[in-house]
Amino acid sequence: MDKPFAMIIEDEPEIAALFRYALESAGYRTEIVLHGQVAVERLSNSRPDVVLLDLRLPVVSGIEILKIIRNDRRFDQTKIIVVSAHAYMVEGLPAEPDFTLLKPISVEQLTKLVSRIKPSKPSYDKIHQSVSVV
């Protein structure tokens, strides 16, 4: 059986690596995207099962990406986990994430969450063939 696909949209490489570790420990294949504009481009031709989304990103904010995902029916089954170091940013978001985590996040906490929400049937992503960092 194919592993579910998680897209990690986080501009801090060290934090993204920790998120990757948690997701891969929970049985996901991952892609790290370090830039908001690149995330929008990648989302246009992929359909992750889970998106781990930082709100503060260069060029296109995580808030804008959240709105894009929520307004696209292709992502109806995609779980969105918003991560932020700023509680005030998650209040009054224009679209609802499935989960919100405040940094610092423990790897154990994230691993338990993504294990719990892992789909039994992952979406098929033709474009995403390998683990990558963009």
N, C-alpha and C. Protein backbone atom coordinates (compact mmCIF):
# COMPACT_ATOMS: atom_id res chain seq x y z
N MET A 1 0.83 -1.18 0.00
CA MET A 1 0.00 0.00 0.00
C MET A 1 0.88 1.25 0.00
N ASP A 2 0.47 2.23 -0.77
CA ASP A 2 1.20 3.48 -0.86
C ASP A 2 1.06 4.28 0.43
N LYS A 3 2.08 5.03 0.77
CA LYS A 3 2.03 5.87 1.96
C LYS A 3 1.26 7.15 1.66
N PRO A 4 0.57 7.71 2.65
CA PRO A 4 -0.07 9.01 2.44
C PRO A 4 0.99 10.08 2.26
N PHE A 5 0.60 11.14 1.57
CA PHE A 5 1.51 12.22 1.21
C PHE A 5 1.24 13.45 2.06
N ALA A 6 2.30 13.98 2.67
CA ALA A 6 2.22 15.19 3.48
C ALA A 6 3.12 16.26 2.89
N MET A 7 2.55 17.45 2.69
CA MET A 7 3.34 18.59 2.24
C MET A 7 3.61 19.49 3.45
N ILE A 8 4.87 19.75 3.69
CA ILE A 8 5.30 20.60 4.80
C ILE A 8 5.66 21.96 4.21
N ILE A 9 4.87 22.96 4.54
CA ILE A 9 5.11 24.31 4.03
C ILE A 9 5.60 25.15 5.21
N GLU A 10 6.90 25.30 5.28
CA GLU A 10 7.58 25.93 6.43
C GLU A 10 8.87 26.54 5.93
N ASP A 11 9.11 27.83 6.22
CA ASP A 11 10.29 28.51 5.69
C ASP A 11 11.56 28.34 6.53
N GLU A 12 11.46 27.75 7.69
CA GLU A 12 12.65 27.49 8.51
C GLU A 12 13.11 26.05 8.27
N PRO A 13 14.24 25.85 7.58
CA PRO A 13 14.67 24.49 7.23
C PRO A 13 14.81 23.54 8.43
N GLU A 14 15.31 24.05 9.56
CA GLU A 14 15.49 23.18 10.73
C GLU A 14 14.15 22.71 11.28
N ILE A 15 13.17 23.60 11.31
CA ILE A 15 11.83 23.23 11.79
C ILE A 15 11.18 22.27 10.81
N ALA A 16 11.33 22.55 9.51
CA ALA A 16 10.78 21.67 8.48
C ALA A 16 11.36 20.27 8.61
N ALA A 17 12.65 20.17 8.92
CA ALA A 17 13.27 18.86 9.09
C ALA A 17 12.68 18.10 10.28
N LEU A 18 12.40 18.81 11.36
CA LEU A 18 11.75 18.17 12.51
C LEU A 18 10.34 17.69 12.16
N PHE A 19 9.60 18.52 11.42
CA PHE A 19 8.27 18.12 10.98
C PHE A 19 8.35 16.89 10.08
N ARG A 20 9.34 16.88 9.18
CA ARG A 20 9.53 15.72 8.29
C ARG A 20 9.77 14.46 9.11
N TYR A 21 10.62 14.57 10.11
CA TYR A 21 10.92 13.42 10.96
C TYR A 21 9.64 12.88 11.60
N ALA A 22 8.81 13.77 12.14
CA ALA A 22 7.56 13.35 12.79
C ALA A 22 6.62 12.69 11.80
N LEU A 23 6.48 13.28 10.64
CA LEU A 23 5.56 12.74 9.62
C LEU A 23 6.05 11.42 9.07
N GLU A 24 7.34 11.33 8.79
CA GLU A 24 7.87 10.07 8.27
C GLU A 24 7.82 8.98 9.33
N SER A 25 8.00 9.33 10.60
CA SER A 25 7.87 8.36 11.69
C SER A 25 6.44 7.82 11.77
N ALA A 26 5.48 8.65 11.37
CA ALA A 26 4.07 8.26 11.39
C ALA A 26 3.64 7.55 10.10
N GLY A 27 4.57 7.37 9.16
CA GLY A 27 4.27 6.60 7.96
C GLY A 27 3.89 7.41 6.73
N TYR A 28 4.25 8.69 6.68
CA TYR A 28 3.95 9.52 5.53
C TYR A 28 5.19 9.66 4.64
N ARG A 29 4.97 9.88 3.36
CA ARG A 29 6.03 10.38 2.48
C ARG A 29 5.87 11.89 2.49
N THR A 30 6.94 12.62 2.39
CA THR A 30 6.88 14.06 2.61
C THR A 30 7.54 14.86 1.49
N GLU A 31 7.12 16.09 1.42
CA GLU A 31 7.77 17.09 0.58
C GLU A 31 7.85 18.35 1.41
N ILE A 32 9.01 18.97 1.44
CA ILE A 32 9.19 20.23 2.14
C ILE A 32 9.21 21.36 1.11
N VAL A 33 8.41 22.39 1.37
CA VAL A 33 8.38 23.58 0.53
C VAL A 33 8.72 24.76 1.44
N LEU A 34 9.76 25.50 1.10
CA LEU A 34 10.27 26.55 1.96
C LEU A 34 9.78 27.96 1.61
N HIS A 35 8.95 28.09 0.60
CA HIS A 35 8.57 29.40 0.09
C HIS A 35 7.09 29.40 -0.28
N GLY A 36 6.38 30.45 0.08
CA GLY A 36 4.94 30.51 -0.16
C GLY A 36 4.55 30.41 -1.63
N GLN A 37 5.27 31.12 -2.51
CA GLN A 37 4.93 31.08 -3.94
C GLN A 37 5.16 29.68 -4.51
N VAL A 38 6.23 29.04 -4.10
CA VAL A 38 6.51 27.68 -4.57
C VAL A 38 5.42 26.73 -4.06
N ALA A 39 4.94 26.94 -2.85
CA ALA A 39 3.86 26.10 -2.31
C ALA A 39 2.61 26.21 -3.17
N VAL A 40 2.26 27.42 -3.58
CA VAL A 40 1.09 27.60 -4.44
C VAL A 40 1.27 26.84 -5.75
N GLU A 41 2.46 26.93 -6.33
CA GLU A 41 2.75 26.22 -7.58
C GLU A 41 2.66 24.71 -7.39
N ARG A 42 3.24 24.20 -6.31
CA ARG A 42 3.21 22.75 -6.04
C ARG A 42 1.78 22.26 -5.78
N LEU A 43 1.00 23.06 -5.08
CA LEU A 43 -0.39 22.66 -4.80
C LEU A 43 -1.24 22.63 -6.07
N SER A 44 -0.84 23.38 -7.08
CA SER A 44 -1.62 23.40 -8.32
C SER A 44 -1.53 22.07 -9.06
N ASN A 45 -0.50 21.27 -8.78
CA ASN A 45 -0.36 19.99 -9.47
C ASN A 45 -0.12 18.81 -8.54
N SER A 46 -0.58 18.94 -7.31
CA SER A 46 -0.49 17.81 -6.37
C SER A 46 -1.68 17.87 -5.43
N ARG A 47 -1.92 16.77 -4.75
CA ARG A 47 -3.03 16.72 -3.80
C ARG A 47 -2.58 15.96 -2.55
N PRO A 48 -1.99 16.68 -1.61
CA PRO A 48 -1.52 16.02 -0.38
C PRO A 48 -2.69 15.57 0.51
N ASP A 49 -2.43 14.55 1.29
CA ASP A 49 -3.40 14.08 2.28
C ASP A 49 -3.39 15.01 3.49
N VAL A 50 -2.20 15.53 3.80
CA VAL A 50 -2.02 16.44 4.94
C VAL A 50 -1.13 17.59 4.49
N VAL A 51 -1.49 18.80 4.92
CA VAL A 51 -0.63 19.96 4.72
C VAL A 51 -0.30 20.52 6.09
N LEU A 52 0.99 20.59 6.39
CA LEU A 52 1.47 21.23 7.60
C LEU A 52 1.89 22.63 7.18
N LEU A 53 1.18 23.66 7.65
CA LEU A 53 1.28 24.99 7.08
C LEU A 53 1.67 26.04 8.11
N ASP A 54 2.84 26.63 7.91
CA ASP A 54 3.27 27.78 8.70
C ASP A 54 2.54 29.00 8.16
N LEU A 55 2.20 29.95 9.02
CA LEU A 55 1.47 31.13 8.57
C LEU A 55 2.37 32.23 8.03
N ARG A 56 3.60 32.29 8.52
CA ARG A 56 4.53 33.34 8.07
C ARG A 56 5.48 32.75 7.03
N LEU A 57 5.22 33.09 5.77
CA LEU A 57 6.03 32.60 4.66
C LEU A 57 6.40 33.75 3.75
N PRO A 58 7.50 33.62 3.02
CA PRO A 58 7.86 34.67 2.08
C PRO A 58 6.90 34.73 0.88
N VAL A 59 6.61 35.92 0.42
CA VAL A 59 5.83 36.28 -0.76
C VAL A 59 4.35 35.96 -0.61
N VAL A 60 3.98 34.69 -0.51
CA VAL A 60 2.58 34.31 -0.31
C VAL A 60 2.47 33.76 1.11
N SER A 61 1.64 34.38 1.93
CA SER A 61 1.53 33.98 3.33
C SER A 61 0.79 32.65 3.48
N GLY A 62 0.99 32.03 4.61
CA GLY A 62 0.26 30.81 4.94
C GLY A 62 -1.24 31.07 5.02
N ILE A 63 -1.63 32.27 5.41
CA ILE A 63 -3.06 32.63 5.46
C ILE A 63 -3.65 32.58 4.06
N GLU A 64 -2.93 33.12 3.08
CA GLU A 64 -3.39 33.08 1.68
C GLU A 64 -3.44 31.63 1.17
N ILE A 65 -2.44 30.85 1.52
CA ILE A 65 -2.41 29.44 1.10
C ILE A 65 -3.58 28.69 1.72
N LEU A 66 -3.87 28.95 2.98
CA LEU A 66 -5.02 28.32 3.64
C LEU A 66 -6.31 28.63 2.88
N LYS A 67 -6.50 29.88 2.48
CA LYS A 67 -7.69 30.27 1.72
C LYS A 67 -7.73 29.54 0.37
N ILE A 68 -6.59 29.47 -0.30
CA ILE A 68 -6.52 28.78 -1.60
C ILE A 68 -6.94 27.32 -1.46
N ILE A 69 -6.40 26.65 -0.45
CA ILE A 69 -6.72 25.23 -0.25
C ILE A 69 -8.20 25.06 0.07
N ARG A 70 -8.72 25.86 0.97
CA ARG A 70 -10.12 25.72 1.38
C ARG A 70 -11.11 26.06 0.26
N ASN A 71 -10.68 26.86 -0.72
CA ASN A 71 -11.57 27.23 -1.82
C ASN A 71 -11.45 26.30 -3.03
N ASP A 72 -10.65 25.25 -2.92
CA ASP A 72 -10.44 24.32 -4.03
C ASP A 72 -10.99 22.95 -3.64
N ARG A 73 -12.00 22.49 -4.34
CA ARG A 73 -12.66 21.22 -4.01
C ARG A 73 -11.72 20.01 -4.10
N ARG A 74 -10.62 20.13 -4.85
CA ARG A 74 -9.67 19.01 -4.91
C ARG A 74 -9.11 18.66 -3.53
N PHE A 75 -9.15 19.64 -2.62
CA PHE A 75 -8.56 19.45 -1.30
C PHE A 75 -9.61 19.18 -0.22
N ASP A 76 -10.80 18.79 -0.61
CA ASP A 76 -11.87 18.53 0.37
C ASP A 76 -11.47 17.50 1.42
N GLN A 77 -10.66 16.53 1.05
CA GLN A 77 -10.24 15.48 1.98
C GLN A 77 -8.89 15.77 2.64
N THR A 78 -8.23 16.85 2.24
CA THR A 78 -6.92 17.20 2.78
C THR A 78 -7.06 17.79 4.18
N LYS A 79 -6.30 17.26 5.11
CA LYS A 79 -6.27 17.80 6.47
C LYS A 79 -5.20 18.89 6.53
N ILE A 80 -5.57 20.02 7.10
CA ILE A 80 -4.64 21.14 7.21
C ILE A 80 -4.31 21.36 8.69
N ILE A 81 -3.01 21.32 8.97
CA ILE A 81 -2.52 21.61 10.32
C ILE A 81 -1.75 22.92 10.23
N VAL A 82 -2.31 23.96 10.82
CA VAL A 82 -1.64 25.26 10.85
C VAL A 82 -0.71 25.28 12.05
N VAL A 83 0.52 25.75 11.80
CA VAL A 83 1.49 25.90 12.88
C VAL A 83 1.94 27.35 12.90
N SER A 84 2.03 27.88 14.10
CA SER A 84 2.45 29.28 14.24
C SER A 84 3.07 29.49 15.62
N ALA A 85 4.01 30.40 15.67
CA ALA A 85 4.59 30.78 16.95
C ALA A 85 3.78 31.91 17.58
N HIS A 86 2.78 32.40 16.86
CA HIS A 86 2.03 33.57 17.30
C HIS A 86 0.55 33.23 17.44
N ALA A 87 0.08 33.14 18.66
CA ALA A 87 -1.33 32.79 18.91
C ALA A 87 -2.27 33.80 18.27
N TYR A 88 -1.90 35.07 18.27
CA TYR A 88 -2.79 36.09 17.70
C TYR A 88 -3.03 35.86 16.21
N MET A 89 -2.09 35.21 15.52
CA MET A 89 -2.26 34.98 14.08
C MET A 89 -3.32 33.93 13.78
N VAL A 90 -3.52 32.99 14.69
CA VAL A 90 -4.49 31.93 14.42
C VAL A 90 -5.91 32.32 14.80
N GLU A 91 -6.04 33.41 15.54
CA GLU A 91 -7.37 33.90 15.89
C GLU A 91 -7.95 34.64 14.69
N GLY A 92 -9.14 34.29 14.34
CA GLY A 92 -9.82 34.99 13.25
C GLY A 92 -9.28 34.70 11.87
N LEU A 93 -8.75 33.52 11.65
CA LEU A 93 -8.30 33.16 10.31
C LEU A 93 -9.48 33.19 9.35
N PRO A 94 -9.27 33.58 8.09
CA PRO A 94 -10.37 33.68 7.13
C PRO A 94 -10.90 32.32 6.67
N ALA A 95 -10.20 31.25 6.98
CA ALA A 95 -10.63 29.89 6.66
C ALA A 95 -10.20 29.00 7.81
N GLU A 96 -10.93 27.92 8.03
CA GLU A 96 -10.67 27.05 9.18
C GLU A 96 -9.68 25.94 8.85
N PRO A 97 -8.59 25.85 9.60
CA PRO A 97 -7.74 24.66 9.48
C PRO A 97 -8.40 23.51 10.26
N ASP A 98 -7.95 22.30 10.01
CA ASP A 98 -8.47 21.17 10.78
C ASP A 98 -7.88 21.16 12.18
N PHE A 99 -6.62 21.57 12.29
CA PHE A 99 -5.92 21.60 13.57
C PHE A 99 -5.00 22.81 13.59
N THR A 100 -4.75 23.30 14.79
CA THR A 100 -3.82 24.40 14.99
C THR A 100 -2.85 24.01 16.09
N LEU A 101 -1.57 24.17 15.81
CA LEU A 101 -0.53 23.89 16.80
C LEU A 101 0.33 25.13 16.97
N LEU A 102 0.61 25.46 18.21
CA LEU A 102 1.48 26.60 18.49
C LEU A 102 2.91 26.13 18.72
N LYS A 103 3.85 26.82 18.08
CA LYS A 103 5.27 26.51 18.27
C LYS A 103 5.69 27.00 19.64
N PRO A 104 6.60 26.35 20.31
CA PRO A 104 7.32 25.16 19.86
C PRO A 104 6.43 23.91 19.96
N ILE A 105 6.59 23.04 18.99
CA ILE A 105 5.81 21.81 18.90
C ILE A 105 6.74 20.64 19.20
N SER A 106 6.30 19.74 20.04
CA SER A 106 7.13 18.56 20.30
C SER A 106 6.93 17.56 19.16
N VAL A 107 7.99 16.89 18.81
CA VAL A 107 7.93 15.87 17.77
C VAL A 107 6.93 14.79 18.16
N GLU A 108 6.91 14.43 19.44
CA GLU A 108 5.98 13.40 19.92
C GLU A 108 4.53 13.84 19.72
N GLN A 109 4.23 15.09 20.06
CA GLN A 109 2.88 15.63 19.90
C GLN A 109 2.45 15.58 18.43
N LEU A 110 3.32 16.03 17.54
CA LEU A 110 3.00 16.05 16.12
C LEU A 110 2.85 14.63 15.57
N THR A 111 3.74 13.72 15.96
CA THR A 111 3.67 12.34 15.49
C THR A 111 2.35 11.69 15.89
N LYS A 112 1.93 11.92 17.13
CA LYS A 112 0.65 11.35 17.58
C LYS A 112 -0.52 11.91 16.78
N LEU A 113 -0.51 13.21 16.54
CA LEU A 113 -1.60 13.83 15.79
C LEU A 113 -1.67 13.28 14.37
N VAL A 114 -0.56 13.28 13.65
CA VAL A 114 -0.59 12.84 12.26
C VAL A 114 -0.84 11.34 12.14
N SER A 115 -0.47 10.58 13.16
CA SER A 115 -0.81 9.15 13.17
C SER A 115 -2.32 8.97 13.30
N ARG A 116 -2.92 9.79 14.13
CA ARG A 116 -4.36 9.70 14.37
C ARG A 116 -5.18 10.09 13.13
N ILE A 117 -4.70 11.03 12.35
CA ILE A 117 -5.48 11.50 11.19
C ILE A 117 -5.05 10.86 9.87
N LYS A 118 -4.11 9.94 9.91
CA LYS A 118 -3.61 9.31 8.69
C LYS A 118 -4.75 8.61 7.95
N PRO A 119 -4.93 8.92 6.67
CA PRO A 119 -6.02 8.30 5.92
C PRO A 119 -5.76 6.82 5.68
N SER A 120 -6.84 6.05 5.63
CA SER A 120 -6.68 4.63 5.36
C SER A 120 -6.36 4.40 3.88
N LYS A 121 -6.84 5.29 3.03
CA LYS A 121 -6.55 5.24 1.59
C LYS A 121 -5.94 6.57 1.18
N PRO A 122 -4.63 6.61 0.95
CA PRO A 122 -4.01 7.87 0.57
C PRO A 122 -4.48 8.32 -0.81
N SER A 123 -4.49 9.63 -1.02
CA SER A 123 -4.79 10.14 -2.36
C SER A 123 -3.60 9.81 -3.25
N TYR A 124 -3.87 9.64 -4.52
CA TYR A 124 -2.79 9.32 -5.45
C TYR A 124 -2.26 10.60 -6.05
N ASP A 125 -1.00 10.85 -5.87
CA ASP A 125 -0.36 12.05 -6.38
C ASP A 125 0.63 11.64 -7.45
N LYS A 126 0.23 11.76 -8.72
CA LYS A 126 1.08 11.35 -9.84
C LYS A 126 2.37 12.15 -9.91
N ILE A 127 2.28 13.42 -9.57
CA ILE A 127 3.43 14.31 -9.72
C ILE A 127 4.50 14.01 -8.67
N HIS A 128 4.06 13.75 -7.44
CA HIS A 128 4.99 13.58 -6.34
C HIS A 128 5.52 12.14 -6.34
N GLN A 129 6.73 11.96 -6.80
CA GLN A 129 7.30 10.63 -6.91
C GLN A 129 8.36 10.33 -5.86
N SER A 130 8.93 11.36 -5.26
CA SER A 130 10.00 11.12 -4.29
C SER A 130 9.99 12.19 -3.22
N VAL A 131 10.75 11.94 -2.19
CA VAL A 131 10.91 12.91 -1.12
C VAL A 131 11.76 14.05 -1.65
N SER A 132 11.34 15.28 -1.41
CA SER A 132 12.10 16.41 -1.94
C SER A 132 11.98 17.62 -1.04
N VAL A 133 12.84 18.56 -1.32
CA VAL A 133 12.80 19.87 -0.65
C VAL A 133 12.79 20.91 -1.77
N VAL A 134 11.80 21.80 -1.73
CA VAL A 134 11.68 22.83 -2.76
C VAL A 134 11.79 24.20 -2.09
